[in-house]
Amino acid sequence: MRRIVGKQVLELTATEFDELLAAHRGAVLDVGTGDGKHAHHVAQRHPDLLVVGLDAAKDGMREISAKAASRKRGLANLIYVWASAEGLPADLHGITDLRVLMPWGSLLRGMLGSDPEMLRGLAAVCAPGATMLITLNLHAWRPPVPEVGDRPEPTPDSAADMLAGIYADAGWRLDEAKYFDQEQVRALATSWTRRLNSSKSRFDVLGLTATLVGQRSGERPASSCTNA
């Protein structure tokens, strides 16, 4: 897989990734990591976890990936990978905690069920029983952006009707949908949430949690293996 370290794009072999995975009690995958600050935040606080920040745009990860790889103040449990949610690396596996925070573009469409293959591909890189956290910026419906189309704004009550069946088909059990309070939003520690939270008198976020129950690790759709 393509690892980003500053301005470098390095090849992380399957053996190297397996060694990293074996050295930690679990693995967090932050999909659509952007500038990578949430992944860095998690890695700092949980040195026993391997944390993978993944994004389709490599440039945003340059600064923090260089910091993470620093010999003096780096984090040995943190790596950044250049790939999209539609084209996950073939060697990526064993994820126990999946996070998709404030998705946008094709990632938002996928989380809203427009791309079931994306949900199946994400399930395929996870270990059985893995958990998933999705946080949706509800201001994407105010007014609606193209990614949400004509879907009504989801609520805790409507999310199950809108998404539970789609997620179940991909192997995920939708466990809970709830509004995040401002403390929970701040705890996400992403640049995106900080900017939005400071620019709005009220910032509304819907959090979804799910558990992988139906698809075993390794059952990856062929379409999601394009970036090795």
C-alpha atoms as a PDB file:
ATOM      1  CA  MET A   1       0.000   0.000   0.000  1.00  0.00           C
ATOM      2  CA  ARG A   2       1.097   3.578  -0.585  1.00  0.00           C
ATOM      3  CA  ARG A   3       2.300   5.170   2.643  1.00  0.00           C
ATOM      4  CA  ILE A   4       2.698   8.928   2.853  1.00  0.00           C
ATOM      5  CA  VAL A   5       5.684  10.275   4.806  1.00  0.00           C
ATOM      6  CA  GLY A   6       5.974  13.992   4.211  1.00  0.00           C
ATOM      7  CA  LYS A   7       6.481  14.537   0.492  1.00  0.00           C
ATOM      8  CA  GLN A   8       7.437  10.898  -0.051  1.00  0.00           C
ATOM      9  CA  VAL A   9       5.191   8.098  -1.255  1.00  0.00           C
ATOM     10  CA  LEU A  10       6.628   4.855   0.091  1.00  0.00           C
ATOM     11  CA  GLU A  11       5.575   1.267  -0.472  1.00  0.00           C
ATOM     12  CA  LEU A  12       4.423  -0.433   2.713  1.00  0.00           C
ATOM     13  CA  THR A  13       4.569  -4.151   2.050  1.00  0.00           C
ATOM     14  CA  ALA A  14       2.055  -6.688   3.256  1.00  0.00           C
ATOM     15  CA  THR A  15       4.672  -8.146   5.597  1.00  0.00           C
ATOM     16  CA  GLU A  16       5.457  -4.748   7.099  1.00  0.00           C
ATOM     17  CA  PHE A  17       1.799  -4.015   7.675  1.00  0.00           C
ATOM     18  CA  ASP A  18       1.232  -7.435   9.249  1.00  0.00           C
ATOM     19  CA  GLU A  19       4.134  -6.794  11.631  1.00  0.00           C
ATOM     20  CA  LEU A  20       2.632  -3.466  12.664  1.00  0.00           C
ATOM     21  CA  LEU A  21      -0.760  -5.082  13.145  1.00  0.00           C
ATOM     22  CA  ALA A  22       0.662  -7.911  15.253  1.00  0.00           C
ATOM     23  CA  ALA A  23       2.422  -5.439  17.556  1.00  0.00           C
ATOM     24  CA  HIS A  24      -0.848  -3.772  18.617  1.00  0.00           C
ATOM     25  CA  ARG A  25      -4.035  -4.979  20.288  1.00  0.00           C
ATOM     26  CA  GLY A  26      -6.279  -3.494  17.600  1.00  0.00           C
ATOM     27  CA  ALA A  27      -6.347  -1.189  14.600  1.00  0.00           C
ATOM     28  CA  VAL A  28      -8.243   2.042  13.904  1.00  0.00           C
ATOM     29  CA  LEU A  29      -8.930   3.121  10.310  1.00  0.00           C
ATOM     30  CA  ASP A  30      -9.825   6.796   9.823  1.00  0.00           C
ATOM     31  CA  VAL A  31     -11.327   6.938   6.325  1.00  0.00           C
ATOM     32  CA  GLY A  32     -11.243  10.339   4.653  1.00  0.00           C
ATOM     33  CA  THR A  33      -8.709  11.513   7.222  1.00  0.00           C
ATOM     34  CA  GLY A  34      -8.093  14.850   5.452  1.00  0.00           C
ATOM     35  CA  ASP A  35      -5.189  16.557   7.223  1.00  0.00           C
ATOM     36  CA  GLY A  36      -4.921  13.551   9.545  1.00  0.00           C
ATOM     37  CA  LYS A  37      -5.392  15.326  12.869  1.00  0.00           C
ATOM     38  CA  HIS A  38      -8.042  12.959  14.206  1.00  0.00           C
ATOM     39  CA  ALA A  39      -5.833   9.947  13.494  1.00  0.00           C
ATOM     40  CA  HIS A  40      -2.908  11.685  15.206  1.00  0.00           C
ATOM     41  CA  HIS A  41      -5.114  12.505  18.209  1.00  0.00           C
ATOM     42  CA  VAL A  42      -6.183   8.860  18.571  1.00  0.00           C
ATOM     43  CA  ALA A  43      -2.637   7.504  18.142  1.00  0.00           C
ATOM     44  CA  GLN A  44      -1.309   9.820  20.834  1.00  0.00           C
ATOM     45  CA  ARG A  45      -3.899   8.684  23.343  1.00  0.00           C
ATOM     46  CA  HIS A  46      -3.863   4.986  22.492  1.00  0.00           C
ATOM     47  CA  PRO A  47      -0.294   3.775  21.897  1.00  0.00           C
ATOM     48  CA  ASP A  48      -1.525   0.181  22.086  1.00  0.00           C
ATOM     49  CA  LEU A  49      -3.570   0.679  18.892  1.00  0.00           C
ATOM     50  CA  LEU A  50      -2.326   0.853  15.329  1.00  0.00           C
ATOM     51  CA  VAL A  51      -3.929   3.899  13.714  1.00  0.00           C
ATOM     52  CA  VAL A  52      -4.240   4.245   9.935  1.00  0.00           C
ATOM     53  CA  GLY A  53      -5.262   7.565   8.396  1.00  0.00           C
ATOM     54  CA  LEU A  54      -6.470   7.043   4.831  1.00  0.00           C
ATOM     55  CA  ASP A  55      -7.384   9.626   2.217  1.00  0.00           C
ATOM     56  CA  ALA A  56      -7.674   9.893  -1.565  1.00  0.00           C
ATOM     57  CA  ALA A  57      -5.798  13.230  -1.509  1.00  0.00           C
ATOM     58  CA  LYS A  58      -2.191  12.760  -0.441  1.00  0.00           C
ATOM     59  CA  ASP A  59      -1.144  16.394  -0.118  1.00  0.00           C
ATOM     60  CA  GLY A  60      -3.282  17.093   2.937  1.00  0.00           C
ATOM     61  CA  MET A  61      -1.479  14.351   4.872  1.00  0.00           C
ATOM     62  CA  ARG A  62       2.062  15.519   4.130  1.00  0.00           C
ATOM     63  CA  GLU A  63       2.689  17.715   7.154  1.00  0.00           C
ATOM     64  CA  ILE A  64       1.266  15.477   9.842  1.00  0.00           C
ATOM     65  CA  SER A  65       2.657  12.283   8.297  1.00  0.00           C
ATOM     66  CA  ALA A  66       6.161  13.767   8.468  1.00  0.00           C
ATOM     67  CA  LYS A  67       5.537  14.624  12.119  1.00  0.00           C
ATOM     68  CA  ALA A  68       4.278  11.108  12.834  1.00  0.00           C
ATOM     69  CA  ALA A  69       7.376   9.554  11.270  1.00  0.00           C
ATOM     70  CA  SER A  70       9.827  11.816  13.120  1.00  0.00           C
ATOM     71  CA  ARG A  71      12.443   9.936  15.111  1.00  0.00           C
ATOM     72  CA  LYS A  72      12.294  12.330  18.053  1.00  0.00           C
ATOM     73  CA  ARG A  73       8.586  13.087  18.430  1.00  0.00           C
ATOM     74  CA  GLY A  74       6.974  10.608  16.096  1.00  0.00           C
ATOM     75  CA  LEU A  75       4.324   7.978  16.721  1.00  0.00           C
ATOM     76  CA  ALA A  76       5.326   4.429  15.871  1.00  0.00           C
ATOM     77  CA  ASN A  77       1.676   3.340  15.924  1.00  0.00           C
ATOM     78  CA  LEU A  78       0.491   5.815  13.249  1.00  0.00           C
ATOM     79  CA  ILE A  79       0.672   5.568   9.466  1.00  0.00           C
ATOM     80  CA  TYR A  80      -0.962   7.497   6.644  1.00  0.00           C
ATOM     81  CA  VAL A  81      -2.096   5.751   3.476  1.00  0.00           C
ATOM     82  CA  TRP A  82      -2.965   7.241   0.098  1.00  0.00           C
ATOM     83  CA  ALA A  83      -6.076   5.468  -1.179  1.00  0.00           C
ATOM     84  CA  SER A  84      -9.786   6.027  -1.633  1.00  0.00           C
ATOM     85  CA  ALA A  85     -12.673   4.290   0.080  1.00  0.00           C
ATOM     86  CA  GLU A  86     -13.619   2.931  -3.351  1.00  0.00           C
ATOM     87  CA  GLY A  87     -10.127   1.524  -3.911  1.00  0.00           C
ATOM     88  CA  LEU A  88      -8.808   0.200  -0.621  1.00  0.00           C
ATOM     89  CA  PRO A  89      -5.330  -1.377  -0.565  1.00  0.00           C
ATOM     90  CA  ALA A  90      -5.373  -5.120  -1.073  1.00  0.00           C
ATOM     91  CA  ASP A  91      -3.120  -5.679   1.968  1.00  0.00           C
ATOM     92  CA  LEU A  92      -5.255  -3.671   4.374  1.00  0.00           C
ATOM     93  CA  HIS A  93      -7.026  -5.913   6.881  1.00  0.00           C
ATOM     94  CA  GLY A  94      -7.629  -6.555  10.576  1.00  0.00           C
ATOM     95  CA  ILE A  95      -9.330  -3.244  11.333  1.00  0.00           C
ATOM     96  CA  THR A  96     -11.226  -3.320  14.628  1.00  0.00           C
ATOM     97  CA  ASP A  97     -12.423   0.303  14.778  1.00  0.00           C
ATOM     98  CA  LEU A  98     -13.573   2.097  11.617  1.00  0.00           C
ATOM     99  CA  ARG A  99     -14.247   5.830  11.602  1.00  0.00           C
ATOM    100  CA  VAL A 100     -15.785   8.000   8.894  1.00  0.00           C
ATOM    101  CA  LEU A 101     -15.990  11.524  10.267  1.00  0.00           C
ATOM    102  CA  MET A 102     -17.768  14.333   8.438  1.00  0.00           C
ATOM    103  CA  PRO A 103     -17.627  12.580   5.042  1.00  0.00           C
ATOM    104  CA  TRP A 104     -18.014  14.613   1.871  1.00  0.00           C
ATOM    105  CA  GLY A 105     -18.135  13.940  -1.841  1.00  0.00           C
ATOM    106  CA  SER A 106     -18.240  10.297  -2.884  1.00  0.00           C
ATOM    107  CA  LEU A 107     -17.553   9.206   0.704  1.00  0.00           C
ATOM    108  CA  LEU A 108     -20.712  10.948   1.918  1.00  0.00           C
ATOM    109  CA  ARG A 109     -22.733   9.387  -0.891  1.00  0.00           C
ATOM    110  CA  GLY A 110     -21.375   5.989   0.082  1.00  0.00           C
ATOM    111  CA  MET A 111     -22.263   6.419   3.740  1.00  0.00           C
ATOM    112  CA  LEU A 112     -25.791   7.408   2.716  1.00  0.00           C
ATOM    113  CA  GLY A 113     -26.171   4.140   0.813  1.00  0.00           C
ATOM    114  CA  SER A 114     -25.596   5.252  -2.776  1.00  0.00           C
ATOM    115  CA  ASP A 115     -22.574   2.933  -3.114  1.00  0.00           C
ATOM    116  CA  PRO A 116     -23.194  -0.399  -1.359  1.00  0.00           C
ATOM    117  CA  GLU A 117     -19.905  -1.688  -2.767  1.00  0.00           C
ATOM    118  CA  MET A 118     -18.094   0.916  -0.665  1.00  0.00           C
ATOM    119  CA  LEU A 119     -19.778  -0.346   2.490  1.00  0.00           C
ATOM    120  CA  ARG A 120     -18.915  -3.930   1.569  1.00  0.00           C
ATOM    121  CA  GLY A 121     -15.337  -2.966   0.791  1.00  0.00           C
ATOM    122  CA  LEU A 122     -14.957  -1.289   4.167  1.00  0.00           C
ATOM    123  CA  ALA A 123     -16.414  -4.360   5.840  1.00  0.00           C
ATOM    124  CA  ALA A 124     -13.909  -6.562   4.030  1.00  0.00           C
ATOM    125  CA  VAL A 125     -10.889  -4.870   5.623  1.00  0.00           C
ATOM    126  CA  CYS A 126     -12.350  -5.228   9.114  1.00  0.00           C
ATOM    127  CA  ALA A 127     -12.078  -8.005  11.653  1.00  0.00           C
ATOM    128  CA  PRO A 128     -15.311  -9.745  12.718  1.00  0.00           C
ATOM    129  CA  GLY A 129     -17.083  -7.682  15.356  1.00  0.00           C
ATOM    130  CA  ALA A 130     -15.411  -4.442  14.280  1.00  0.00           C
ATOM    131  CA  THR A 131     -17.207  -1.238  15.183  1.00  0.00           C
ATOM    132  CA  MET A 132     -17.871   1.735  12.925  1.00  0.00           C
ATOM    133  CA  LEU A 133     -18.539   5.369  13.811  1.00  0.00           C
ATOM    134  CA  ILE A 134     -19.961   7.729  11.198  1.00  0.00           C
ATOM    135  CA  THR A 135     -20.624  11.383  11.927  1.00  0.00           C
ATOM    136  CA  LEU A 136     -22.785  13.341   9.509  1.00  0.00           C
ATOM    137  CA  ASN A 137     -22.670  17.114   9.193  1.00  0.00           C
ATOM    138  CA  LEU A 138     -26.403  17.870   9.069  1.00  0.00           C
ATOM    139  CA  HIS A 139     -25.783  21.286   7.576  1.00  0.00           C
ATOM    140  CA  ALA A 140     -25.167  19.438   4.300  1.00  0.00           C
ATOM    141  CA  TRP A 141     -28.980  19.378   4.108  1.00  0.00           C
ATOM    142  CA  ARG A 142     -29.363  23.097   4.908  1.00  0.00           C
ATOM    143  CA  PRO A 143     -29.670  23.698   1.984  1.00  0.00           C
ATOM    144  CA  PRO A 144     -29.031  20.273   0.418  1.00  0.00           C
ATOM    145  CA  VAL A 145     -25.682  19.777  -1.305  1.00  0.00           C
ATOM    146  CA  PRO A 146     -25.510  17.600  -4.461  1.00  0.00           C
ATOM    147  CA  GLU A 147     -24.154  14.621  -2.491  1.00  0.00           C
ATOM    148  CA  VAL A 148     -27.357  14.232  -0.474  1.00  0.00           C
ATOM    149  CA  GLY A 149     -29.649  14.674  -3.480  1.00  0.00           C
ATOM    150  CA  ASP A 150     -33.326  14.533  -2.577  1.00  0.00           C
ATOM    151  CA  ARG A 151     -32.836  12.478   0.578  1.00  0.00           C
ATOM    152  CA  PRO A 152     -34.477  14.090   3.609  1.00  0.00           C
ATOM    153  CA  GLU A 153     -32.225  15.133   6.468  1.00  0.00           C
ATOM    154  CA  PRO A 154     -31.711  12.072   8.673  1.00  0.00           C
ATOM    155  CA  THR A 155     -32.771  12.065  12.305  1.00  0.00           C
ATOM    156  CA  PRO A 156     -32.138   9.481  15.023  1.00  0.00           C
ATOM    157  CA  ASP A 157     -35.576   8.031  14.287  1.00  0.00           C
ATOM    158  CA  SER A 158     -35.385   8.086  10.494  1.00  0.00           C
ATOM    159  CA  ALA A 159     -31.800   6.825  10.153  1.00  0.00           C
ATOM    160  CA  ALA A 160     -32.832   3.240  10.818  1.00  0.00           C
ATOM    161  CA  ASP A 161     -35.520   3.363   8.133  1.00  0.00           C
ATOM    162  CA  MET A 162     -33.177   5.040   5.657  1.00  0.00           C
ATOM    163  CA  LEU A 163     -29.984   3.087   6.247  1.00  0.00           C
ATOM    164  CA  ALA A 164     -30.371  -0.039   8.361  1.00  0.00           C
ATOM    165  CA  GLY A 165     -31.314  -2.315   5.467  1.00  0.00           C
ATOM    166  CA  ILE A 166     -28.555  -1.021   3.197  1.00  0.00           C
ATOM    167  CA  TYR A 167     -25.965  -1.436   5.922  1.00  0.00           C
ATOM    168  CA  ALA A 168     -27.243  -4.909   6.788  1.00  0.00           C
ATOM    169  CA  ASP A 169     -26.810  -6.013   3.184  1.00  0.00           C
ATOM    170  CA  ALA A 170     -23.141  -5.009   3.472  1.00  0.00           C
ATOM    171  CA  GLY A 171     -22.665  -6.881   6.747  1.00  0.00           C
ATOM    172  CA  TRP A 172     -23.149  -3.996   9.186  1.00  0.00           C
ATOM    173  CA  ARG A 173     -25.707  -3.870  11.995  1.00  0.00           C
ATOM    174  CA  LEU A 174     -26.737  -0.288  12.645  1.00  0.00           C
ATOM    175  CA  ASP A 175     -26.725  -0.050  16.450  1.00  0.00           C
ATOM    176  CA  GLU A 176     -27.516   3.564  17.291  1.00  0.00           C
ATOM    177  CA  ALA A 177     -28.184   6.952  15.786  1.00  0.00           C
ATOM    178  CA  LYS A 178     -28.030  10.026  17.991  1.00  0.00           C
ATOM    179  CA  TYR A 179     -27.311  13.722  17.909  1.00  0.00           C
ATOM    180  CA  PHE A 180     -23.875  14.702  19.195  1.00  0.00           C
ATOM    181  CA  ASP A 181     -23.620  17.447  21.769  1.00  0.00           C
ATOM    182  CA  GLN A 182     -20.915  20.093  21.441  1.00  0.00           C
ATOM    183  CA  GLU A 183     -18.541  18.275  23.773  1.00  0.00           C
ATOM    184  CA  GLN A 184     -18.794  15.115  21.672  1.00  0.00           C
ATOM    185  CA  VAL A 185     -18.182  17.128  18.519  1.00  0.00           C
ATOM    186  CA  ARG A 186     -15.076  18.747  20.009  1.00  0.00           C
ATOM    187  CA  ALA A 187     -13.812  15.318  21.115  1.00  0.00           C
ATOM    188  CA  LEU A 188     -13.623  14.238  17.468  1.00  0.00           C
ATOM    189  CA  ALA A 189     -10.561  16.501  17.201  1.00  0.00           C
ATOM    190  CA  THR A 190     -10.762  17.156  13.475  1.00  0.00           C
ATOM    191  CA  SER A 191      -9.912  20.410  11.742  1.00  0.00           C
ATOM    192  CA  TRP A 192     -13.206  20.216   9.874  1.00  0.00           C
ATOM    193  CA  THR A 193     -15.334  20.048  13.025  1.00  0.00           C
ATOM    194  CA  ARG A 194     -13.332  22.833  14.692  1.00  0.00           C
ATOM    195  CA  ARG A 195     -13.848  25.143  11.723  1.00  0.00           C
ATOM    196  CA  LEU A 196     -17.547  24.395  11.430  1.00  0.00           C
ATOM    197  CA  ASN A 197     -18.138  24.577  15.154  1.00  0.00           C
ATOM    198  CA  SER A 198     -16.539  28.017  15.358  1.00  0.00           C
ATOM    199  CA  SER A 199     -18.399  29.410  12.341  1.00  0.00           C
ATOM    200  CA  LYS A 200     -21.937  28.454  13.395  1.00  0.00           C
ATOM    201  CA  SER A 201     -24.005  29.435  16.401  1.00  0.00           C
ATOM    202  CA  ARG A 202     -25.249  25.843  16.432  1.00  0.00           C
ATOM    203  CA  PHE A 203     -23.483  22.935  14.739  1.00  0.00           C
ATOM    204  CA  ASP A 204     -25.648  19.818  14.314  1.00  0.00           C
ATOM    205  CA  VAL A 205     -24.055  16.404  13.932  1.00  0.00           C
ATOM    206  CA  LEU A 206     -25.715  12.985  13.718  1.00  0.00           C
ATOM    207  CA  GLY A 207     -23.593  10.097  14.922  1.00  0.00           C
ATOM    208  CA  LEU A 208     -24.169   6.538  13.705  1.00  0.00           C
ATOM    209  CA  THR A 209     -22.594   3.470  15.261  1.00  0.00           C
ATOM    210  CA  ALA A 210     -22.555   0.035  13.669  1.00  0.00           C
ATOM    211  CA  THR A 211     -21.035  -3.389  14.209  1.00  0.00           C
ATOM    212  CA  LEU A 212     -19.728  -5.819  11.591  1.00  0.00           C
ATOM    213  CA  VAL A 213     -21.789  -8.978  11.933  1.00  0.00           C
ATOM    214  CA  GLY A 214     -22.228 -10.514   8.513  1.00  0.00           C
ATOM    215  CA  GLN A 215     -19.079 -10.297   6.419  1.00  0.00           C
ATOM    216  CA  ARG A 216     -15.829 -11.966   7.358  1.00  0.00           C
ATOM    217  CA  SER A 217     -12.489 -10.223   6.941  1.00  0.00           C
ATOM    218  CA  GLY A 218     -11.040 -11.069   3.543  1.00  0.00           C
ATOM    219  CA  GLU A 219     -14.370 -11.231   1.668  1.00  0.00           C
ATOM    220  CA  ARG A 220     -13.522  -8.195  -0.398  1.00  0.00           C
ATOM    221  CA  PRO A 221     -15.406  -7.194  -3.526  1.00  0.00           C
ATOM    222  CA  ALA A 222     -13.072  -7.157  -6.512  1.00  0.00           C
ATOM    223  CA  SER A 223     -13.870  -3.506  -7.236  1.00  0.00           C
ATOM    224  CA  SER A 224     -12.293  -2.353  -3.961  1.00  0.00           C
ATOM    225  CA  CYS A 225      -8.826  -3.794  -4.584  1.00  0.00           C
ATOM    226  CA  THR A 226      -7.546  -1.266  -7.072  1.00  0.00           C
ATOM    227  CA  ASN A 227      -4.887   0.507  -5.002  1.00  0.00           C
ATOM    228  CA  ALA A 228      -2.327  -1.998  -3.792  1.00  0.00           C
END
